[in-house]
PDB file of N, CA and C in Angstrom:
ATOM      1  N   MET A   1       0.853  -1.375   0.150  1.00  0.00           N
ATOM      2  CA  MET A   1      -0.390   0.016   0.326  1.00  0.00           C
ATOM      3  C   MET A   1       0.993   1.303   0.028  1.00  0.00           C
ATOM      4  N   PHE A   2       0.790   2.132  -0.733  1.00  0.00           N
ATOM      5  CA  PHE A   2       1.749   3.319  -1.088  1.00  0.00           C
ATOM      6  C   PHE A   2       1.322   4.276   0.471  1.00  0.00           C
ATOM      7  N   ASP A   3       2.159   5.094   0.652  1.00  0.00           N
ATOM      8  CA  ASP A   3       2.073   5.740   1.494  1.00  0.00           C
ATOM      9  C   ASP A   3       0.976   6.724   2.002  1.00  0.00           C
ATOM     10  N   LEU A   4       0.754   7.267   0.757  1.00  0.00           N
ATOM     11  CA  LEU A   4      -0.485   8.172   0.595  1.00  0.00           C
ATOM     12  C   LEU A   4      -1.429   7.526   0.509  1.00  0.00           C
ATOM     13  N   GLU A   5      -1.915   6.388   0.211  1.00  0.00           N
ATOM     14  CA  GLU A   5      -2.998   5.864   0.467  1.00  0.00           C
ATOM     15  C   GLU A   5      -3.274   5.613   1.840  1.00  0.00           C
ATOM     16  N   LYS A   6      -2.444   4.882   2.434  1.00  0.00           N
ATOM     17  CA  LYS A   6      -2.237   4.618   3.826  1.00  0.00           C
ATOM     18  C   LYS A   6      -3.245   5.709   4.493  1.00  0.00           C
ATOM     19  N   LYS A   7      -2.273   6.678   4.728  1.00  0.00           N
ATOM     20  CA  LYS A   7      -2.409   7.965   5.117  1.00  0.00           C
ATOM     21  C   LYS A   7      -3.809   8.365   5.213  1.00  0.00           C
ATOM     22  N   ALA A   8      -4.122   8.472   3.619  1.00  0.00           N
ATOM     23  CA  ALA A   8      -5.998   8.955   3.366  1.00  0.00           C
ATOM     24  C   ALA A   8      -7.008   8.099   3.988  1.00  0.00           C
ATOM     25  N   ARG A   9      -6.554   6.801   4.238  1.00  0.00           N
ATOM     26  CA  ARG A   9      -7.138   5.973   4.910  1.00  0.00           C
ATOM     27  C   ARG A   9      -7.222   6.160   6.236  1.00  0.00           C
ATOM     28  N   GLN A  10      -6.059   6.197   6.841  1.00  0.00           N
ATOM     29  CA  GLN A  10      -6.401   7.162   8.360  1.00  0.00           C
ATOM     30  C   GLN A  10      -7.072   7.993   8.494  1.00  0.00           C
ATOM     31  N   ALA A  11      -7.108   9.206   7.605  1.00  0.00           N
ATOM     32  CA  ALA A  11      -7.615  10.428   7.728  1.00  0.00           C
ATOM     33  C   ALA A  11      -9.267  10.386   7.626  1.00  0.00           C
ATOM     34  N   ILE A  12      -9.564   9.267   6.898  1.00  0.00           N
ATOM     35  CA  ILE A  12     -10.955   9.151   6.455  1.00  0.00           C
ATOM     36  C   ILE A  12     -11.224   8.371   8.073  1.00  0.00           C
ATOM     37  N   PHE A  13     -10.822   7.631   9.118  1.00  0.00           N
ATOM     38  CA  PHE A  13     -11.463   6.932  10.240  1.00  0.00           C
ATOM     39  C   PHE A  13     -10.949   7.744  11.123  1.00  0.00           C
ATOM     40  N   ILE A  14     -10.170   8.707  11.405  1.00  0.00           N
ATOM     41  CA  ILE A  14      -9.689   9.875  12.560  1.00  0.00           C
ATOM     42  C   ILE A  14     -10.846  11.297  12.138  1.00  0.00           C
ATOM     43  N   THR A  15     -11.544  11.744  11.178  1.00  0.00           N
ATOM     44  CA  THR A  15     -12.042  12.756  11.241  1.00  0.00           C
ATOM     45  C   THR A  15     -13.742  12.064  11.945  1.00  0.00           C
ATOM     46  N   PRO A  16     -13.463  13.029  12.885  1.00  0.00           N
ATOM     47  CA  PRO A  16     -14.955  13.111  13.968  1.00  0.00           C
ATOM     48  C   PRO A  16     -15.983  12.916  12.955  1.00  0.00           C
ATOM     49  N   ASN A  17     -16.218  13.953  11.806  1.00  0.00           N
ATOM     50  CA  ASN A  17     -17.745  14.126  11.434  1.00  0.00           C
ATOM     51  C   ASN A  17     -17.615  13.421   9.957  1.00  0.00           C
ATOM     52  N   PHE A  18     -16.920  11.894  10.504  1.00  0.00           N
ATOM     53  CA  PHE A  18     -17.197  11.325   9.379  1.00  0.00           C
ATOM     54  C   PHE A  18     -18.282  10.277   8.687  1.00  0.00           C
ATOM     55  N   GLN A  19     -19.038  10.397   9.613  1.00  0.00           N
ATOM     56  CA  GLN A  19     -20.679  10.125   9.560  1.00  0.00           C
ATOM     57  C   GLN A  19     -21.208  10.891   9.299  1.00  0.00           C
ATOM     58  N   GLU A  20     -21.188  12.358   9.795  1.00  0.00           N
ATOM     59  CA  GLU A  20     -22.118  12.919   9.402  1.00  0.00           C
ATOM     60  C   GLU A  20     -21.941  13.265   7.676  1.00  0.00           C
ATOM     61  N   ILE A  21     -20.435  13.350   7.020  1.00  0.00           N
ATOM     62  CA  ILE A  21     -20.146  13.576   5.601  1.00  0.00           C
ATOM     63  C   ILE A  21     -20.637  12.659   4.682  1.00  0.00           C
ATOM     64  N   MET A  22     -20.764  11.308   5.734  1.00  0.00           N
ATOM     65  CA  MET A  22     -21.618  10.319   4.704  1.00  0.00           C
ATOM     66  C   MET A  22     -22.961  10.192   4.426  1.00  0.00           C
ATOM     67  N   SER A  23     -23.700  10.601   5.612  1.00  0.00           N
ATOM     68  CA  SER A  23     -25.015  10.833   5.480  1.00  0.00           C
ATOM     69  C   SER A  23     -25.286  11.652   4.456  1.00  0.00           C
ATOM     70  N   GLN A  24     -24.797  12.895   4.331  1.00  0.00           N
ATOM     71  CA  GLN A  24     -25.266  14.026   3.856  1.00  0.00           C
ATOM     72  C   GLN A  24     -26.305  13.627   2.725  1.00  0.00           C
ATOM     73  N   LYS A  25     -27.084  14.428   2.486  1.00  0.00           N
ATOM     74  CA  LYS A  25     -28.200  13.892   1.136  1.00  0.00           C
ATOM     75  C   LYS A  25     -27.785  13.665  -0.329  1.00  0.00           C
ATOM     76  N   ILE A  26     -28.183  13.292  -0.870  1.00  0.00           N
ATOM     77  CA  ILE A  26     -27.683  12.757  -2.270  1.00  0.00           C
ATOM     78  C   ILE A  26     -27.783  14.362  -3.339  1.00  0.00           C
ATOM     79  N   THR A  27     -26.771  14.343  -3.859  1.00  0.00           N
ATOM     80  CA  THR A  27     -26.193  15.644  -4.719  1.00  0.00           C
ATOM     81  C   THR A  27     -27.117  15.500  -5.912  1.00  0.00           C
ATOM     82  N   GLU A  28     -27.515  16.950  -6.193  1.00  0.00           N
ATOM     83  CA  GLU A  28     -28.274  17.024  -7.790  1.00  0.00           C
ATOM     84  C   GLU A  28     -27.211  16.039  -9.144  1.00  0.00           C
ATOM     85  N   GLU A  29     -25.978  15.950  -9.018  1.00  0.00           N
ATOM     86  CA  GLU A  29     -25.296  15.400 -10.015  1.00  0.00           C
ATOM     87  C   GLU A  29     -25.660  13.495 -10.198  1.00  0.00           C
ATOM     88  N   LEU A  30     -25.488  13.594  -9.131  1.00  0.00           N
ATOM     89  CA  LEU A  30     -25.748  11.806  -8.606  1.00  0.00           C
ATOM     90  C   LEU A  30     -27.240  11.810  -9.047  1.00  0.00           C
ATOM     91  N   LEU A  31     -28.035  12.106  -8.256  1.00  0.00           N
ATOM     92  CA  LEU A  31     -29.557  11.811  -8.674  1.00  0.00           C
ATOM     93  C   LEU A  31     -30.142  12.010 -10.458  1.00  0.00           C
ATOM     94  N   LYS A  32     -28.586  12.460 -11.071  1.00  0.00           N
ATOM     95  CA  LYS A  32     -29.035  13.003 -12.745  1.00  0.00           C
ATOM     96  C   LYS A  32     -28.717  12.051 -13.234  1.00  0.00           C
ATOM     97  N   ILE A  33     -28.287  11.063 -12.782  1.00  0.00           N
ATOM     98  CA  ILE A  33     -27.485   9.567 -13.661  1.00  0.00           C
ATOM     99  C   ILE A  33     -28.023   8.207 -12.998  1.00  0.00           C
ATOM    100  N   LEU A  34     -29.081   8.753 -11.560  1.00  0.00           N
ATOM    101  CA  LEU A  34     -29.276   7.577 -11.305  1.00  0.00           C
ATOM    102  C   LEU A  34     -30.701   7.460 -11.538  1.00  0.00           C
ATOM    103  N   VAL A  35     -30.438   5.646 -11.783  1.00  0.00           N
ATOM    104  CA  VAL A  35     -32.035   5.708 -12.827  1.00  0.00           C
ATOM    105  C   VAL A  35     -32.921   4.416 -11.973  1.00  0.00           C
ATOM    106  N   CYS A  36     -33.701   4.001 -12.477  1.00  0.00           N
ATOM    107  CA  CYS A  36     -34.524   2.596 -11.635  1.00  0.00           C
ATOM    108  C   CYS A  36     -33.672   1.482 -11.651  1.00  0.00           C
ATOM    109  N   PRO A  37     -33.181   0.485 -11.056  1.00  0.00           N
ATOM    110  CA  PRO A  37     -32.944  -0.350 -12.073  1.00  0.00           C
ATOM    111  C   PRO A  37     -33.609  -1.354 -12.134  1.00  0.00           C
ATOM    112  N   LEU A  38     -34.642  -1.332 -12.362  1.00  0.00           N
ATOM    113  CA  LEU A  38     -36.304  -1.873 -13.011  1.00  0.00           C
ATOM    114  C   LEU A  38     -36.684  -1.763 -13.933  1.00  0.00           C
ATOM    115  N   CYS A  39     -37.018  -0.314 -13.958  1.00  0.00           N
ATOM    116  CA  CYS A  39     -37.769   0.333 -15.202  1.00  0.00           C
ATOM    117  C   CYS A  39     -36.703   1.431 -16.114  1.00  0.00           C
ATOM    118  N   LYS A  40     -35.649   1.849 -15.387  1.00  0.00           N
ATOM    119  CA  LYS A  40     -34.754   2.741 -15.544  1.00  0.00           C
ATOM    120  C   LYS A  40     -35.324   3.851 -16.052  1.00  0.00           C
ATOM    121  N   ASN A  41     -36.437   4.093 -15.290  1.00  0.00           N
ATOM    122  CA  ASN A  41     -37.120   5.672 -14.823  1.00  0.00           C
ATOM    123  C   ASN A  41     -36.012   6.212 -14.392  1.00  0.00           C
ATOM    124  N   GLU A  42     -36.597   7.743 -13.990  1.00  0.00           N
ATOM    125  CA  GLU A  42     -35.872   8.455 -13.387  1.00  0.00           C
ATOM    126  C   GLU A  42     -36.413   8.425 -11.854  1.00  0.00           C
ATOM    127  N   LEU A  43     -35.444   9.308 -10.899  1.00  0.00           N
ATOM    128  CA  LEU A  43     -35.991   8.511  -9.262  1.00  0.00           C
ATOM    129  C   LEU A  43     -35.782  10.041  -8.977  1.00  0.00           C
ATOM    130  N   PHE A  44     -36.721  10.030  -7.819  1.00  0.00           N
ATOM    131  CA  PHE A  44     -36.842  11.484  -7.060  1.00  0.00           C
ATOM    132  C   PHE A  44     -36.433  11.261  -5.564  1.00  0.00           C
ATOM    133  N   PHE A  45     -35.614  11.861  -4.940  1.00  0.00           N
ATOM    134  CA  PHE A  45     -34.854  11.880  -3.914  1.00  0.00           C
ATOM    135  C   PHE A  45     -36.087  12.223  -2.557  1.00  0.00           C
ATOM    136  N   ASP A  46     -36.504  11.598  -1.833  1.00  0.00           N
ATOM    137  CA  ASP A  46     -37.215  11.870  -0.503  1.00  0.00           C
ATOM    138  C   ASP A  46     -36.549  11.658   0.773  1.00  0.00           C
ATOM    139  N   GLU A  47     -36.357  13.270   1.185  1.00  0.00           N
ATOM    140  CA  GLU A  47     -35.194  13.810   2.003  1.00  0.00           C
ATOM    141  C   GLU A  47     -35.915  13.145   3.622  1.00  0.00           C
ATOM    142  N   LYS A  48     -37.535  12.945   3.819  1.00  0.00           N
ATOM    143  CA  LYS A  48     -37.991  12.810   5.076  1.00  0.00           C
ATOM    144  C   LYS A  48     -37.625  11.661   5.324  1.00  0.00           C
ATOM    145  N   ASN A  49     -37.535  10.564   4.272  1.00  0.00           N
ATOM    146  CA  ASN A  49     -37.143   8.814   4.538  1.00  0.00           C
ATOM    147  C   ASN A  49     -36.447   8.762   4.064  1.00  0.00           C
ATOM    148  N   ASN A  50     -35.126   9.737   3.350  1.00  0.00           N
ATOM    149  CA  ASN A  50     -34.291   8.895   3.195  1.00  0.00           C
ATOM    150  C   ASN A  50     -34.126   8.131   2.168  1.00  0.00           C
ATOM    151  N   GLU A  51     -34.755   8.341   1.158  1.00  0.00           N
ATOM    152  CA  GLU A  51     -34.866   7.504  -0.042  1.00  0.00           C
ATOM    153  C   GLU A  51     -35.253   7.778  -1.754  1.00  0.00           C
ATOM    154  N   LEU A  52     -34.610   7.073  -2.359  1.00  0.00           N
ATOM    155  CA  LEU A  52     -34.914   7.191  -3.753  1.00  0.00           C
ATOM    156  C   LEU A  52     -36.099   6.741  -4.301  1.00  0.00           C
ATOM    157  N   ILE A  53     -37.046   7.078  -5.134  1.00  0.00           N
ATOM    158  CA  ILE A  53     -38.194   7.101  -5.224  1.00  0.00           C
ATOM    159  C   ILE A  53     -38.551   6.967  -6.582  1.00  0.00           C
ATOM    160  N   CYS A  54     -39.160   5.602  -7.184  1.00  0.00           N
ATOM    161  CA  CYS A  54     -39.182   4.896  -8.821  1.00  0.00           C
ATOM    162  C   CYS A  54     -41.240   5.299  -8.865  1.00  0.00           C
ATOM    163  N   LEU A  55     -41.477   6.558  -9.445  1.00  0.00           N
ATOM    164  CA  LEU A  55     -42.937   6.216  -9.528  1.00  0.00           C
ATOM    165  C   LEU A  55     -43.515   5.512 -10.264  1.00  0.00           C
ATOM    166  N   GLN A  56     -42.820   4.871 -11.413  1.00  0.00           N
ATOM    167  CA  GLN A  56     -43.381   4.045 -11.957  1.00  0.00           C
ATOM    168  C   GLN A  56     -43.501   2.654 -11.349  1.00  0.00           C
ATOM    169  N   SER A  57     -42.488   2.292 -11.093  1.00  0.00           N
ATOM    170  CA  SER A  57     -42.258   0.908 -10.995  1.00  0.00           C
ATOM    171  C   SER A  57     -42.723   0.647  -9.187  1.00  0.00           C
ATOM    172  N   LYS A  58     -42.529   1.668  -8.424  1.00  0.00           N
ATOM    173  CA  LYS A  58     -43.291   2.032  -7.190  1.00  0.00           C
ATOM    174  C   LYS A  58     -42.320   1.391  -6.148  1.00  0.00           C
ATOM    175  N   LEU A  59     -41.280   1.305  -6.258  1.00  0.00           N
ATOM    176  CA  LEU A  59     -40.530   1.039  -5.700  1.00  0.00           C
ATOM    177  C   LEU A  59     -39.594   2.204  -4.706  1.00  0.00           C
ATOM    178  N   ALA A  60     -39.110   2.452  -3.393  1.00  0.00           N
ATOM    179  CA  ALA A  60     -38.377   2.989  -2.765  1.00  0.00           C
ATOM    180  C   ALA A  60     -36.984   2.438  -2.201  1.00  0.00           C
ATOM    181  N   TYR A  61     -35.945   2.765  -2.928  1.00  0.00           N
ATOM    182  CA  TYR A  61     -34.362   2.191  -2.980  1.00  0.00           C
ATOM    183  C   TYR A  61     -33.972   3.438  -1.389  1.00  0.00           C
ATOM    184  N   LYS A  62     -33.720   2.523  -0.514  1.00  0.00           N
ATOM    185  CA  LYS A  62     -32.782   2.977   0.637  1.00  0.00           C
ATOM    186  C   LYS A  62     -31.474   3.684   0.723  1.00  0.00           C
ATOM    187  N   ILE A  63     -31.328   4.486   1.352  1.00  0.00           N
ATOM    188  CA  ILE A  63     -29.798   5.515   1.281  1.00  0.00           C
ATOM    189  C   ILE A  63     -29.169   5.131   2.600  1.00  0.00           C
ATOM    190  N   LYS A  64     -28.039   4.412   2.681  1.00  0.00           N
ATOM    191  CA  LYS A  64     -27.768   3.841   3.800  1.00  0.00           C
ATOM    192  C   LYS A  64     -26.175   4.463   3.584  1.00  0.00           C
ATOM    193  N   ASP A  65     -25.596   5.328   4.839  1.00  0.00           N
ATOM    194  CA  ASP A  65     -24.365   5.615   5.195  1.00  0.00           C
ATOM    195  C   ASP A  65     -24.051   6.573   3.862  1.00  0.00           C
ATOM    196  N   GLY A  66     -25.262   7.680   3.415  1.00  0.00           N
ATOM    197  CA  GLY A  66     -24.831   8.319   1.723  1.00  0.00           C
ATOM    198  C   GLY A  66     -24.719   7.303   0.615  1.00  0.00           C
ATOM    199  N   ILE A  67     -25.124   6.219   0.610  1.00  0.00           N
ATOM    200  CA  ILE A  67     -25.032   5.287  -0.557  1.00  0.00           C
ATOM    201  C   ILE A  67     -26.038   4.942  -0.517  1.00  0.00           C
ATOM    202  N   PRO A  68     -26.552   5.149  -1.833  1.00  0.00           N
ATOM    203  CA  PRO A  68     -28.247   3.924  -2.416  1.00  0.00           C
ATOM    204  C   PRO A  68     -28.017   3.093  -3.009  1.00  0.00           C
ATOM    205  N   ILE A  69     -28.651   2.265  -1.923  1.00  0.00           N
ATOM    206  CA  ILE A  69     -28.687   0.594  -2.319  1.00  0.00           C
ATOM    207  C   ILE A  69     -29.923   0.319  -3.220  1.00  0.00           C
ATOM    208  N   MET A  70     -29.217   0.240  -4.559  1.00  0.00           N
ATOM    209  CA  MET A  70     -30.117  -0.076  -5.878  1.00  0.00           C
ATOM    210  C   MET A  70     -30.215  -1.357  -5.834  1.00  0.00           C
ATOM    211  N   LEU A  71     -30.607  -2.340  -4.954  1.00  0.00           N
ATOM    212  CA  LEU A  71     -30.994  -3.481  -5.509  1.00  0.00           C
ATOM    213  C   LEU A  71     -32.476  -3.631  -5.412  1.00  0.00           C
ATOM    214  N   ILE A  72     -32.922  -4.378  -6.186  1.00  0.00           N
ATOM    215  CA  ILE A  72     -34.360  -4.375  -6.393  1.00  0.00           C
ATOM    216  C   ILE A  72     -35.370  -5.771  -5.495  1.00  0.00           C
ATOM    217  N   ASP A  73     -34.313  -6.308  -5.168  1.00  0.00           N
ATOM    218  CA  ASP A  73     -34.960  -7.527  -3.507  1.00  0.00           C
ATOM    219  C   ASP A  73     -34.788  -6.545  -2.218  1.00  0.00           C
ATOM    220  N   GLU A  74     -33.956  -5.637  -2.395  1.00  0.00           N
ATOM    221  CA  GLU A  74     -33.991  -4.662  -0.896  1.00  0.00           C
ATOM    222  C   GLU A  74     -35.098  -3.536  -0.730  1.00  0.00           C
ATOM    223  N   ALA A  75     -35.550  -2.968  -2.285  1.00  0.00           N
ATOM    224  CA  ALA A  75     -36.272  -1.683  -2.200  1.00  0.00           C
ATOM    225  C   ALA A  75     -37.369  -2.020  -1.678  1.00  0.00           C
ATOM    226  N   ARG A  76     -38.221  -1.129  -1.124  1.00  0.00           N
ATOM    227  CA  ARG A  76     -39.426  -1.247  -0.434  1.00  0.00           C
ATOM    228  C   ARG A  76     -40.737  -0.912  -1.531  1.00  0.00           C
ATOM    229  N   LYS A  77     -41.933  -1.679  -1.358  1.00  0.00           N
ATOM    230  CA  LYS A  77     -42.871  -1.366  -2.235  1.00  0.00           C
ATOM    231  C   LYS A  77     -43.191   0.113  -2.156  1.00  0.00           C
ATOM    232  N   ILE A  78     -44.071   0.846  -2.488  1.00  0.00           N
ATOM    233  CA  ILE A  78     -44.601   1.785  -2.301  1.00  0.00           C
ATOM    234  C   ILE A  78     -46.406   1.393  -2.389  1.00  0.00           C
ATOM    235  N   GLU A  79     -47.001   1.699  -1.534  1.00  0.00           N
ATOM    236  CA  GLU A  79     -48.440   1.410  -1.421  1.00  0.00           C
ATOM    237  C   GLU A  79     -49.161   2.780  -1.915  1.00  0.00           C
ATOM    238  N   GLU A  80     -50.249   2.758  -3.082  1.00  0.00           N
ATOM    239  CA  GLU A  80     -50.730   3.826  -3.207  1.00  0.00           C
ATOM    240  C   GLU A  80     -51.883   3.882  -2.068  1.00  0.00           C
TER     241      GLU A  80
END
């Protein structure tokens, strides 16, 4: 492992606000490129529930530690 890489990894773990950084909301740039893995339609960010919502397939994808979990099997079905 390179010294720089090692220092970067250490910096991540000693940063006091690491969890805060990772739990920030999804950026607009990321939202523009993400699509529903089932139907390939656009997603909407639900800040209240911290989920990405697909209106066509009626699925909600959780965001854990700032990372969208884009697995159909782990998505929550949205009821009307």
